[in-house]
């Protein structure tokens, strides 16, 4: 009893679907109609059509994309706001807040 390797099974499936994709292209039928006539599952047909159209990794190439340098001062200049949760209120305070205004706001919200 001989067993096929995973690679052999994959190649067998690949040939099967490649045959159907090429036959469909020549048929002039819609994918759904071709699948219906051939008793194929349409979403599997679409999967293999895309897989067979995708470039192989040996055909891929990379294009360098120049990026502007990111200066750390720009990233660090936006600190997270201070979050105060008082009773049922949530207050977010940025770095340029007035402590007097915040105190008055808290007293007003708490009914003090």
PDB file of N, CA and C in Angstrom:
ATOM      1  N   UNK A   1       0.841  -1.177   0.000  1.00  0.00           N
ATOM      2  CA  UNK A   1       0.000   0.000   0.000  1.00  0.00           C
ATOM      3  C   UNK A   1       0.886   1.240   0.000  1.00  0.00           C
ATOM      4  N   UNK A   2       0.707   2.102  -0.993  1.00  0.00           N
ATOM      5  CA  UNK A   2       1.503   3.323  -1.066  1.00  0.00           C
ATOM      6  C   UNK A   2       0.666   4.500  -0.602  1.00  0.00           C
ATOM      7  N   UNK A   3       1.313   5.379   0.143  1.00  0.00           N
ATOM      8  CA  UNK A   3       0.636   6.593   0.599  1.00  0.00           C
ATOM      9  C   UNK A   3       1.311   7.793  -0.040  1.00  0.00           C
ATOM     10  N   UNK A   4       0.494   8.736  -0.440  1.00  0.00           N
ATOM     11  CA  UNK A   4       1.039   9.942  -1.056  1.00  0.00           C
ATOM     12  C   UNK A   4       1.473  10.928   0.025  1.00  0.00           C
ATOM     13  N   UNK A   5       2.539  11.644  -0.252  1.00  0.00           N
ATOM     14  CA  UNK A   5       2.997  12.654   0.702  1.00  0.00           C
ATOM     15  C   UNK A   5       2.065  13.864   0.612  1.00  0.00           C
ATOM     16  N   UNK A   6       2.163  14.731   1.587  1.00  0.00           N
ATOM     17  CA  UNK A   6       1.355  15.956   1.576  1.00  0.00           C
ATOM     18  C   UNK A   6       1.652  16.789   0.348  1.00  0.00           C
ATOM     19  N   UNK A   7       2.923  16.854  -0.026  1.00  0.00           N
ATOM     20  CA  UNK A   7       3.314  17.629  -1.206  1.00  0.00           C
ATOM     21  C   UNK A   7       2.694  17.045  -2.465  1.00  0.00           C
ATOM     22  N   UNK A   8       2.669  15.708  -2.568  1.00  0.00           N
ATOM     23  CA  UNK A   8       2.055  15.057  -3.727  1.00  0.00           C
ATOM     24  C   UNK A   8       0.555  15.345  -3.781  1.00  0.00           C
ATOM     25  N   UNK A   9      -0.102  15.259  -2.635  1.00  0.00           N
ATOM     26  CA  UNK A   9      -1.537  15.547  -2.583  1.00  0.00           C
ATOM     27  C   UNK A   9      -1.834  16.999  -2.967  1.00  0.00           C
ATOM     28  N   UNK A  10      -0.990  17.902  -2.493  1.00  0.00           N
ATOM     29  CA  UNK A  10      -1.174  19.311  -2.830  1.00  0.00           C
ATOM     30  C   UNK A  10      -1.023  19.529  -4.334  1.00  0.00           C
ATOM     31  N   UNK A  11      -0.010  18.925  -4.914  1.00  0.00           N
ATOM     32  CA  UNK A  11       0.208  19.074  -6.358  1.00  0.00           C
ATOM     33  C   UNK A  11      -0.950  18.474  -7.152  1.00  0.00           C
ATOM     34  N   UNK A  12      -1.493  17.388  -6.653  1.00  0.00           N
ATOM     35  CA  UNK A  12      -2.635  16.751  -7.307  1.00  0.00           C
ATOM     36  C   UNK A  12      -3.844  17.700  -7.284  1.00  0.00           C
ATOM     37  N   UNK A  13      -4.111  18.307  -6.117  1.00  0.00           N
ATOM     38  CA  UNK A  13      -5.207  19.266  -6.001  1.00  0.00           C
ATOM     39  C   UNK A  13      -4.961  20.469  -6.910  1.00  0.00           C
ATOM     40  N   UNK A  14      -3.728  20.924  -6.914  1.00  0.00           N
ATOM     41  CA  UNK A  14      -3.365  22.084  -7.731  1.00  0.00           C
ATOM     42  C   UNK A  14      -3.644  21.814  -9.213  1.00  0.00           C
ATOM     43  N   UNK A  15      -3.251  20.626  -9.690  1.00  0.00           N
ATOM     44  CA  UNK A  15      -3.499  20.265 -11.094  1.00  0.00           C
ATOM     45  C   UNK A  15      -4.998  20.178 -11.374  1.00  0.00           C
ATOM     46  N   UNK A  16      -5.742  19.581 -10.428  1.00  0.00           N
ATOM     47  CA  UNK A  16      -7.190  19.447 -10.565  1.00  0.00           C
ATOM     48  C   UNK A  16      -7.840  20.822 -10.744  1.00  0.00           C
ATOM     49  N   UNK A  17      -7.515  21.747  -9.858  1.00  0.00           N
ATOM     50  CA  UNK A  17      -8.142  23.057  -9.904  1.00  0.00           C
ATOM     51  C   UNK A  17      -7.625  23.898 -11.063  1.00  0.00           C
ATOM     52  N   UNK A  18      -6.368  23.744 -11.407  1.00  0.00           N
ATOM     53  CA  UNK A  18      -5.831  24.471 -12.559  1.00  0.00           C
ATOM     54  C   UNK A  18      -6.574  24.049 -13.826  1.00  0.00           C
ATOM     55  N   UNK A  19      -6.835  22.756 -13.973  1.00  0.00           N
ATOM     56  CA  UNK A  19      -7.593  22.241 -15.106  1.00  0.00           C
ATOM     57  C   UNK A  19      -8.973  22.901 -15.151  1.00  0.00           C
ATOM     58  N   UNK A  20      -9.667  22.955 -13.998  1.00  0.00           N
ATOM     59  CA  UNK A  20     -11.009  23.535 -13.961  1.00  0.00           C
ATOM     60  C   UNK A  20     -10.997  25.043 -14.219  1.00  0.00           C
ATOM     61  N   UNK A  21     -10.024  25.742 -13.701  1.00  0.00           N
ATOM     62  CA  UNK A  21      -9.952  27.191 -13.940  1.00  0.00           C
ATOM     63  C   UNK A  21      -9.733  27.454 -15.432  1.00  0.00           C
ATOM     64  N   UNK A  22      -8.825  26.699 -16.038  1.00  0.00           N
ATOM     65  CA  UNK A  22      -8.576  26.886 -17.473  1.00  0.00           C
ATOM     66  C   UNK A  22      -9.809  26.509 -18.297  1.00  0.00           C
ATOM     67  N   UNK A  23     -10.483  25.439 -17.934  1.00  0.00           N
ATOM     68  CA  UNK A  23     -11.694  25.013 -18.647  1.00  0.00           C
ATOM     69  C   UNK A  23     -12.799  26.061 -18.489  1.00  0.00           C
ATOM     70  N   UNK A  24     -12.928  26.619 -17.295  1.00  0.00           N
ATOM     71  CA  UNK A  24     -13.931  27.663 -17.068  1.00  0.00           C
ATOM     72  C   UNK A  24     -13.641  28.881 -17.933  1.00  0.00           C
ATOM     73  N   UNK A  25     -12.355  29.297 -17.997  1.00  0.00           N
ATOM     74  CA  UNK A  25     -11.991  30.471 -18.787  1.00  0.00           C
ATOM     75  C   UNK A  25     -12.353  30.281 -20.262  1.00  0.00           C
ATOM     76  N   UNK A  26     -12.216  29.079 -20.759  1.00  0.00           N
ATOM     77  CA  UNK A  26     -12.538  28.787 -22.162  1.00  0.00           C
ATOM     78  C   UNK A  26     -14.043  28.607 -22.381  1.00  0.00           C
ATOM     79  N   UNK A  27     -14.793  28.299 -21.323  1.00  0.00           N
ATOM     80  CA  UNK A  27     -16.198  27.936 -21.464  1.00  0.00           C
ATOM     81  C   UNK A  27     -17.129  29.105 -21.777  1.00  0.00           C
ATOM     82  N   UNK A  28     -16.769  30.296 -21.328  1.00  0.00           N
ATOM     83  CA  UNK A  28     -17.657  31.437 -21.511  1.00  0.00           C
ATOM     84  C   UNK A  28     -18.797  31.475 -20.498  1.00  0.00           C
ATOM     85  N   UNK A  29     -18.803  30.541 -19.563  1.00  0.00           N
ATOM     86  CA  UNK A  29     -19.833  30.487 -18.530  1.00  0.00           C
ATOM     87  C   UNK A  29     -19.436  31.339 -17.331  1.00  0.00           C
ATOM     88  N   UNK A  30     -20.434  31.700 -16.522  1.00  0.00           N
ATOM     89  CA  UNK A  30     -20.113  32.351 -15.256  1.00  0.00           C
ATOM     90  C   UNK A  30     -19.491  31.290 -14.344  1.00  0.00           C
ATOM     91  N   UNK A  31     -18.796  31.736 -13.316  1.00  0.00           N
ATOM     92  CA  UNK A  31     -18.181  30.780 -12.383  1.00  0.00           C
ATOM     93  C   UNK A  31     -19.244  29.905 -11.727  1.00  0.00           C
ATOM     94  N   UNK A  32     -20.340  30.531 -11.327  1.00  0.00           N
ATOM     95  CA  UNK A  32     -21.391  29.785 -10.644  1.00  0.00           C
ATOM     96  C   UNK A  32     -21.976  28.717 -11.561  1.00  0.00           C
ATOM     97  N   UNK A  33     -22.241  29.087 -12.812  1.00  0.00           N
ATOM     98  CA  UNK A  33     -22.811  28.132 -13.750  1.00  0.00           C
ATOM     99  C   UNK A  33     -21.820  27.002 -14.054  1.00  0.00           C
ATOM    100  N   UNK A  34     -20.552  27.360 -14.242  1.00  0.00           N
ATOM    101  CA  UNK A  34     -19.540  26.327 -14.497  1.00  0.00           C
ATOM    102  C   UNK A  34     -19.480  25.360 -13.314  1.00  0.00           C
ATOM    103  N   UNK A  35     -19.449  25.894 -12.107  1.00  0.00           N
ATOM    104  CA  UNK A  35     -19.390  25.051 -10.904  1.00  0.00           C
ATOM    105  C   UNK A  35     -20.618  24.156 -10.803  1.00  0.00           C
ATOM    106  N   UNK A  36     -21.784  24.701 -11.117  1.00  0.00           N
ATOM    107  CA  UNK A  36     -23.011  23.906 -11.058  1.00  0.00           C
ATOM    108  C   UNK A  36     -22.927  22.737 -12.035  1.00  0.00           C
ATOM    109  N   UNK A  37     -22.479  23.024 -13.253  1.00  0.00           N
ATOM    110  CA  UNK A  37     -22.401  21.977 -14.270  1.00  0.00           C
ATOM    111  C   UNK A  37     -21.334  20.928 -13.956  1.00  0.00           C
ATOM    112  N   UNK A  38     -20.271  21.339 -13.275  1.00  0.00           N
ATOM    113  CA  UNK A  38     -19.171  20.425 -12.961  1.00  0.00           C
ATOM    114  C   UNK A  38     -19.297  19.827 -11.560  1.00  0.00           C
ATOM    115  N   UNK A  39     -20.352  20.182 -10.860  1.00  0.00           N
ATOM    116  CA  UNK A  39     -20.577  19.722  -9.495  1.00  0.00           C
ATOM    117  C   UNK A  39     -19.417  20.111  -8.571  1.00  0.00           C
ATOM    118  N   UNK A  40     -19.032  21.398  -8.666  1.00  0.00           N
ATOM    119  CA  UNK A  40     -17.962  21.949  -7.833  1.00  0.00           C
ATOM    120  C   UNK A  40     -18.552  22.935  -6.842  1.00  0.00           C
ATOM    121  N   UNK A  41     -17.900  23.085  -5.701  1.00  0.00           N
ATOM    122  CA  UNK A  41     -18.327  24.054  -4.693  1.00  0.00           C
ATOM    123  C   UNK A  41     -17.797  25.426  -5.119  1.00  0.00           C
ATOM    124  N   UNK A  42     -18.684  26.415  -5.352  1.00  0.00           N
ATOM    125  CA  UNK A  42     -18.239  27.720  -5.868  1.00  0.00           C
ATOM    126  C   UNK A  42     -17.174  28.424  -5.031  1.00  0.00           C
ATOM    127  N   UNK A  43     -17.296  28.394  -3.694  1.00  0.00           N
ATOM    128  CA  UNK A  43     -16.295  29.118  -2.901  1.00  0.00           C
ATOM    129  C   UNK A  43     -14.926  28.429  -2.962  1.00  0.00           C
ATOM    130  N   UNK A  44     -14.889  27.123  -3.134  1.00  0.00           N
ATOM    131  CA  UNK A  44     -13.595  26.439  -3.310  1.00  0.00           C
ATOM    132  C   UNK A  44     -12.986  26.802  -4.655  1.00  0.00           C
ATOM    133  N   UNK A  45     -13.846  26.895  -5.674  1.00  0.00           N
ATOM    134  CA  UNK A  45     -13.369  27.298  -6.996  1.00  0.00           C
ATOM    135  C   UNK A  45     -12.723  28.685  -6.911  1.00  0.00           C
ATOM    136  N   UNK A  46     -13.426  29.623  -6.258  1.00  0.00           N
ATOM    137  CA  UNK A  46     -12.896  30.984  -6.111  1.00  0.00           C
ATOM    138  C   UNK A  46     -11.587  30.987  -5.339  1.00  0.00           C
ATOM    139  N   UNK A  47     -11.512  30.193  -4.265  1.00  0.00           N
ATOM    140  CA  UNK A  47     -10.285  30.099  -3.469  1.00  0.00           C
ATOM    141  C   UNK A  47      -9.113  29.653  -4.350  1.00  0.00           C
ATOM    142  N   UNK A  48      -9.310  28.571  -5.099  1.00  0.00           N
ATOM    143  CA  UNK A  48      -8.225  28.045  -5.922  1.00  0.00           C
ATOM    144  C   UNK A  48      -7.909  28.959  -7.106  1.00  0.00           C
ATOM    145  N   UNK A  49      -8.895  29.623  -7.645  1.00  0.00           N
ATOM    146  CA  UNK A  49      -8.652  30.575  -8.734  1.00  0.00           C
ATOM    147  C   UNK A  49      -7.717  31.680  -8.244  1.00  0.00           C
ATOM    148  N   UNK A  50      -8.017  32.207  -7.050  1.00  0.00           N
ATOM    149  CA  UNK A  50      -7.157  33.253  -6.483  1.00  0.00           C
ATOM    150  C   UNK A  50      -5.776  32.699  -6.146  1.00  0.00           C
ATOM    151  N   UNK A  51      -5.741  31.509  -5.591  1.00  0.00           N
ATOM    152  CA  UNK A  51      -4.465  30.892  -5.207  1.00  0.00           C
ATOM    153  C   UNK A  51      -3.586  30.654  -6.430  1.00  0.00           C
ATOM    154  N   UNK A  52      -4.189  30.213  -7.519  1.00  0.00           N
ATOM    155  CA  UNK A  52      -3.424  29.945  -8.740  1.00  0.00           C
ATOM    156  C   UNK A  52      -2.980  31.229  -9.426  1.00  0.00           C
ATOM    157  N   UNK A  53      -3.738  32.322  -9.233  1.00  0.00           N
ATOM    158  CA  UNK A  53      -3.376  33.608  -9.832  1.00  0.00           C
ATOM    159  C   UNK A  53      -2.310  34.351  -9.031  1.00  0.00           C
ATOM    160  N   UNK A  54      -2.172  34.000  -7.755  1.00  0.00           N
ATOM    161  CA  UNK A  54      -1.230  34.703  -6.883  1.00  0.00           C
ATOM    162  C   UNK A  54       0.206  34.417  -7.318  1.00  0.00           C
ATOM    163  N   UNK A  55       1.059  35.437  -7.282  1.00  0.00           N
ATOM    164  CA  UNK A  55       2.458  35.192  -7.646  1.00  0.00           C
ATOM    165  C   UNK A  55       3.139  34.278  -6.633  1.00  0.00           C
ATOM    166  N   UNK A  56       4.011  33.448  -7.119  1.00  0.00           N
ATOM    167  CA  UNK A  56       4.783  32.570  -6.225  1.00  0.00           C
ATOM    168  C   UNK A  56       5.807  33.427  -5.489  1.00  0.00           C
ATOM    169  N   UNK A  57       6.249  32.941  -4.345  1.00  0.00           N
ATOM    170  CA  UNK A  57       7.194  33.724  -3.543  1.00  0.00           C
ATOM    171  C   UNK A  57       8.474  34.015  -4.321  1.00  0.00           C
ATOM    172  N   UNK A  58       8.849  33.148  -5.252  1.00  0.00           N
ATOM    173  CA  UNK A  58      10.056  33.392  -6.043  1.00  0.00           C
ATOM    174  C   UNK A  58       9.843  34.519  -7.051  1.00  0.00           C
ATOM    175  N   UNK A  59       8.556  34.855  -7.341  1.00  0.00           N
ATOM    176  CA  UNK A  59       8.257  35.918  -8.288  1.00  0.00           C
ATOM    177  C   UNK A  59       8.062  37.264  -7.602  1.00  0.00           C
ATOM    178  N   UNK A  60       7.990  37.267  -6.284  1.00  0.00           N
ATOM    179  CA  UNK A  60       7.777  38.507  -5.552  1.00  0.00           C
ATOM    180  C   UNK A  60       9.052  39.327  -5.498  1.00  0.00           C
ATOM    181  N   UNK A  61       8.883  40.625  -5.499  1.00  0.00           N
ATOM    182  CA  UNK A  61      10.032  41.497  -5.328  1.00  0.00           C
ATOM    183  C   UNK A  61       9.634  42.600  -4.356  1.00  0.00           C
ATOM    184  N   UNK A  62      10.605  43.154  -3.705  1.00  0.00           N
ATOM    185  CA  UNK A  62      10.361  44.199  -2.736  1.00  0.00           C
ATOM    186  C   UNK A  62      10.873  45.512  -3.286  1.00  0.00           C
ATOM    187  N   UNK A  63      10.103  46.549  -3.059  1.00  0.00           N
ATOM    188  CA  UNK A  63      10.481  47.879  -3.495  1.00  0.00           C
ATOM    189  C   UNK A  63      10.726  48.708  -2.250  1.00  0.00           C
ATOM    190  N   UNK A  64      11.914  49.287  -2.120  1.00  0.00           N
ATOM    191  CA  UNK A  64      12.164  50.101  -0.930  1.00  0.00           C
ATOM    192  C   UNK A  64      11.296  51.359  -0.961  1.00  0.00           C
ATOM    193  N   UNK A  65      10.723  51.685   0.177  1.00  0.00           N
ATOM    194  CA  UNK A  65       9.892  52.877   0.303  1.00  0.00           C
ATOM    195  C   UNK A  65      10.573  53.812   1.280  1.00  0.00           C
ATOM    196  N   UNK A  66      11.001  54.975   0.795  1.00  0.00           N
ATOM    197  CA  UNK A  66      11.666  55.907   1.705  1.00  0.00           C
ATOM    198  C   UNK A  66      10.661  56.490   2.691  1.00  0.00           C
ATOM    199  N   UNK A  67      11.036  56.528   3.946  1.00  0.00           N
ATOM    200  CA  UNK A  67      10.182  57.069   4.989  1.00  0.00           C
ATOM    201  C   UNK A  67      10.848  58.272   5.626  1.00  0.00           C
ATOM    202  N   UNK A  68      10.035  59.241   5.983  1.00  0.00           N
ATOM    203  CA  UNK A  68      10.568  60.400   6.679  1.00  0.00           C
ATOM    204  C   UNK A  68      10.959  59.975   8.088  1.00  0.00           C
ATOM    205  N   UNK A  69      12.074  60.471   8.591  1.00  0.00           N
ATOM    206  CA  UNK A  69      12.480  60.083   9.945  1.00  0.00           C
ATOM    207  C   UNK A  69      11.477  60.600  10.976  1.00  0.00           C
ATOM    208  N   UNK A  70      11.260  59.820  12.005  1.00  0.00           N
ATOM    209  CA  UNK A  70      10.381  60.213  13.102  1.00  0.00           C
ATOM    210  C   UNK A  70      11.259  60.666  14.254  1.00  0.00           C
ATOM    211  N   UNK A  71      11.043  61.895  14.665  1.00  0.00           N
ATOM    212  CA  UNK A  71      11.823  62.428  15.774  1.00  0.00           C
ATOM    213  C   UNK A  71      11.091  62.112  17.071  1.00  0.00           C
ATOM    214  N   UNK A  72      11.814  61.612  18.034  1.00  0.00           N
ATOM    215  CA  UNK A  72      11.184  61.180  19.284  1.00  0.00           C
ATOM    216  C   UNK A  72      10.522  62.333  20.025  1.00  0.00           C
ATOM    217  N   UNK A  73      10.979  63.562  19.832  1.00  0.00           N
ATOM    218  CA  UNK A  73      10.367  64.688  20.534  1.00  0.00           C
ATOM    219  C   UNK A  73       8.918  64.887  20.101  1.00  0.00           C
ATOM    220  N   UNK A  74       8.608  64.552  18.822  1.00  0.00           N
ATOM    221  CA  UNK A  74       7.229  64.675  18.348  1.00  0.00           C
ATOM    222  C   UNK A  74       6.345  63.605  18.983  1.00  0.00           C
ATOM    223  N   UNK A  75       6.887  62.439  19.149  1.00  0.00           N
ATOM    224  CA  UNK A  75       6.109  61.338  19.712  1.00  0.00           C
ATOM    225  C   UNK A  75       5.860  61.561  21.193  1.00  0.00           C
ATOM    226  N   UNK A  76       6.849  62.050  21.913  1.00  0.00           N
ATOM    227  CA  UNK A  76       6.745  62.204  23.359  1.00  0.00           C
ATOM    228  C   UNK A  76       6.068  63.499  23.777  1.00  0.00           C
ATOM    229  N   UNK A  77       5.824  64.445  22.860  1.00  0.00           N
ATOM    230  CA  UNK A  77       5.269  65.737  23.237  1.00  0.00           C
ATOM    231  C   UNK A  77       3.767  65.660  23.533  1.00  0.00           C
ATOM    232  N   UNK A  78       3.130  64.543  23.277  1.00  0.00           N
ATOM    233  CA  UNK A  78       1.706  64.384  23.523  1.00  0.00           C
ATOM    234  C   UNK A  78       1.489  63.392  24.668  1.00  0.00           C
ATOM    235  N   UNK A  79       1.633  63.835  25.924  1.00  0.00           N
ATOM    236  CA  UNK A  79       1.427  62.906  27.042  1.00  0.00           C
ATOM    237  C   UNK A  79      -0.040  62.511  27.131  1.00  0.00           C
ATOM    238  N   UNK A  80      -0.274  61.383  27.748  1.00  0.00           N
ATOM    239  CA  UNK A  80      -1.646  60.926  27.948  1.00  0.00           C
ATOM    240  C   UNK A  80      -2.331  61.855  28.929  1.00  0.00           C
ATOM    241  N   UNK A  81      -3.637  62.093  28.703  1.00  0.00           N
ATOM    242  CA  UNK A  81      -4.336  62.989  29.634  1.00  0.00           C
ATOM    243  C   UNK A  81      -4.529  62.321  30.995  1.00  0.00           C
ATOM    244  N   UNK A  82      -4.625  63.153  32.013  1.00  0.00           N
ATOM    245  CA  UNK A  82      -4.941  62.695  33.362  1.00  0.00           C
ATOM    246  C   UNK A  82      -6.427  62.376  33.393  1.00  0.00           C
ATOM    247  N   UNK A  83      -6.784  61.216  33.890  1.00  0.00           N
ATOM    248  CA  UNK A  83      -8.182  60.813  33.950  1.00  0.00           C
ATOM    249  C   UNK A  83      -8.616  60.784  35.410  1.00  0.00           C
ATOM    250  N   UNK A  84      -9.699  61.534  35.690  1.00  0.00           N
ATOM    251  CA  UNK A  84     -10.239  61.590  37.044  1.00  0.00           C
ATOM    252  C   UNK A  84     -11.654  61.018  36.993  1.00  0.00           C
ATOM    253  N   UNK A  85     -11.915  60.047  37.837  1.00  0.00           N
ATOM    254  CA  UNK A  85     -13.256  59.475  37.929  1.00  0.00           C
ATOM    255  C   UNK A  85     -13.791  59.844  39.298  1.00  0.00           C
ATOM    256  N   UNK A  86     -14.865  60.651  39.289  1.00  0.00           N
ATOM    257  CA  UNK A  86     -15.468  61.105  40.538  1.00  0.00           C
ATOM    258  C   UNK A  86     -16.956  60.841  40.469  1.00  0.00           C
ATOM    259  N   UNK A  87     -17.409  59.997  41.374  1.00  0.00           N
ATOM    260  CA  UNK A  87     -18.823  59.626  41.418  1.00  0.00           C
ATOM    261  C   UNK A  87     -19.208  59.041  40.070  1.00  0.00           C
ATOM    262  N   UNK A  88     -20.084  59.653  39.330  1.00  0.00           N
ATOM    263  CA  UNK A  88     -20.492  59.117  38.023  1.00  0.00           C
ATOM    264  C   UNK A  88     -19.892  59.901  36.871  1.00  0.00           C
ATOM    265  N   UNK A  89     -18.901  60.722  37.150  1.00  0.00           N
ATOM    266  CA  UNK A  89     -18.283  61.566  36.131  1.00  0.00           C
ATOM    267  C   UNK A  89     -16.878  61.084  35.808  1.00  0.00           C
ATOM    268  N   UNK A  90     -16.527  61.272  34.565  1.00  0.00           N
ATOM    269  CA  UNK A  90     -15.166  60.950  34.120  1.00  0.00           C
ATOM    270  C   UNK A  90     -14.613  62.213  33.466  1.00  0.00           C
ATOM    271  N   UNK A  91     -13.504  62.689  33.959  1.00  0.00           N
ATOM    272  CA  UNK A  91     -12.906  63.931  33.469  1.00  0.00           C
ATOM    273  C   UNK A  91     -11.507  63.623  32.957  1.00  0.00           C
ATOM    274  N   UNK A  92     -11.239  64.055  31.726  1.00  0.00           N
ATOM    275  CA  UNK A  92      -9.904  63.908  31.154  1.00  0.00           C
ATOM    276  C   UNK A  92      -9.266  65.286  31.100  1.00  0.00           C
ATOM    277  N   UNK A  93      -8.085  65.397  31.689  1.00  0.00           N
ATOM    278  CA  UNK A  93      -7.412  66.683  31.799  1.00  0.00           C
ATOM    279  C   UNK A  93      -6.107  66.628  31.023  1.00  0.00           C
ATOM    280  N   UNK A  94      -5.966  67.551  30.056  1.00  0.00           N
ATOM    281  CA  UNK A  94      -4.704  67.644  29.307  1.00  0.00           C
ATOM    282  C   UNK A  94      -3.675  68.402  30.130  1.00  0.00           C
ATOM    283  N   UNK A  95      -2.464  68.440  29.627  1.00  0.00           N
ATOM    284  CA  UNK A  95      -1.357  69.050  30.365  1.00  0.00           C
ATOM    285  C   UNK A  95      -1.485  70.545  30.589  1.00  0.00           C
ATOM    286  N   UNK A  96      -2.294  71.259  29.800  1.00  0.00           N
ATOM    287  CA  UNK A  96      -2.374  72.717  29.932  1.00  0.00           C
ATOM    288  C   UNK A  96      -3.646  73.160  30.671  1.00  0.00           C
ATOM    289  N   UNK A  97      -4.037  72.426  31.712  1.00  0.00           N
ATOM    290  CA  UNK A  97      -5.266  72.734  32.446  1.00  0.00           C
ATOM    291  C   UNK A  97      -4.984  73.740  33.560  1.00  0.00           C
ATOM    292  N   UNK A  98      -6.077  74.351  34.020  1.00  0.00           N
ATOM    293  CA  UNK A  98      -6.002  75.283  35.151  1.00  0.00           C
ATOM    294  C   UNK A  98      -6.447  74.524  36.399  1.00  0.00           C
ATOM    295  N   UNK A  99      -5.603  74.462  37.385  1.00  0.00           N
ATOM    296  CA  UNK A  99      -5.949  73.727  38.607  1.00  0.00           C
ATOM    297  C   UNK A  99      -7.120  74.383  39.337  1.00  0.00           C
ATOM    298  N   UNK A 100      -7.222  75.695  39.286  1.00  0.00           N
ATOM    299  CA  UNK A 100      -8.351  76.388  39.934  1.00  0.00           C
ATOM    300  C   UNK A 100      -9.668  75.999  39.257  1.00  0.00           C
ATOM    301  N   UNK A 101      -9.670  75.984  37.931  1.00  0.00           N
ATOM    302  CA  UNK A 101     -10.883  75.614  37.193  1.00  0.00           C
ATOM    303  C   UNK A 101     -11.264  74.168  37.471  1.00  0.00           C
ATOM    304  N   UNK A 102     -10.271  73.288  37.554  1.00  0.00           N
ATOM    305  CA  UNK A 102     -10.544  71.883  37.841  1.00  0.00           C
ATOM    306  C   UNK A 102     -11.141  71.726  39.235  1.00  0.00           C
ATOM    307  N   UNK A 103     -10.618  72.451  40.211  1.00  0.00           N
ATOM    308  CA  UNK A 103     -11.133  72.385  41.578  1.00  0.00           C
ATOM    309  C   UNK A 103     -12.587  72.855  41.620  1.00  0.00           C
ATOM    310  N   UNK A 104     -12.884  73.972  40.940  1.00  0.00           N
ATOM    311  CA  UNK A 104     -14.253  74.486  40.901  1.00  0.00           C
ATOM    312  C   UNK A 104     -15.185  73.479  40.226  1.00  0.00           C
ATOM    313  N   UNK A 105     -14.721  72.856  39.141  1.00  0.00           N
ATOM    314  CA  UNK A 105     -15.534  71.871  38.425  1.00  0.00           C
ATOM    315  C   UNK A 105     -15.849  70.676  39.322  1.00  0.00           C
ATOM    316  N   UNK A 106     -14.853  70.178  40.032  1.00  0.00           N
ATOM    317  CA  UNK A 106     -15.069  69.045  40.927  1.00  0.00           C
ATOM    318  C   UNK A 106     -16.034  69.388  42.053  1.00  0.00           C
ATOM    319  N   UNK A 107     -15.889  70.563  42.634  1.00  0.00           N
ATOM    320  CA  UNK A 107     -16.787  70.992  43.706  1.00  0.00           C
ATOM    321  C   UNK A 107     -18.231  71.108  43.179  1.00  0.00           C
ATOM    322  N   UNK A 108     -18.384  71.630  41.960  1.00  0.00           N
ATOM    323  CA  UNK A 108     -19.716  71.774  41.374  1.00  0.00           C
ATOM    324  C   UNK A 108     -20.352  70.399  41.126  1.00  0.00           C
ATOM    325  N   UNK A 109     -19.565  69.492  40.561  1.00  0.00           N
ATOM    326  CA  UNK A 109     -20.096  68.165  40.248  1.00  0.00           C
ATOM    327  C   UNK A 109     -20.424  67.365  41.503  1.00  0.00           C
ATOM    328  N   UNK A 110     -19.639  67.549  42.557  1.00  0.00           N
ATOM    329  CA  UNK A 110     -19.841  66.776  43.784  1.00  0.00           C
ATOM    330  C   UNK A 110     -20.853  67.459  44.714  1.00  0.00           C
ATOM    331  N   UNK A 111     -21.276  68.692  44.342  1.00  0.00           N
ATOM    332  CA  UNK A 111     -22.260  69.394  45.186  1.00  0.00           C
ATOM    333  C   UNK A 111     -21.662  69.908  46.479  1.00  0.00           C
ATOM    334  N   UNK A 112     -20.410  70.259  46.460  1.00  0.00           N
ATOM    335  CA  UNK A 112     -19.732  70.732  47.666  1.00  0.00           C
ATOM    336  C   UNK A 112     -19.824  72.241  47.748  1.00  0.00           C
TER     337      UNK A 112
END
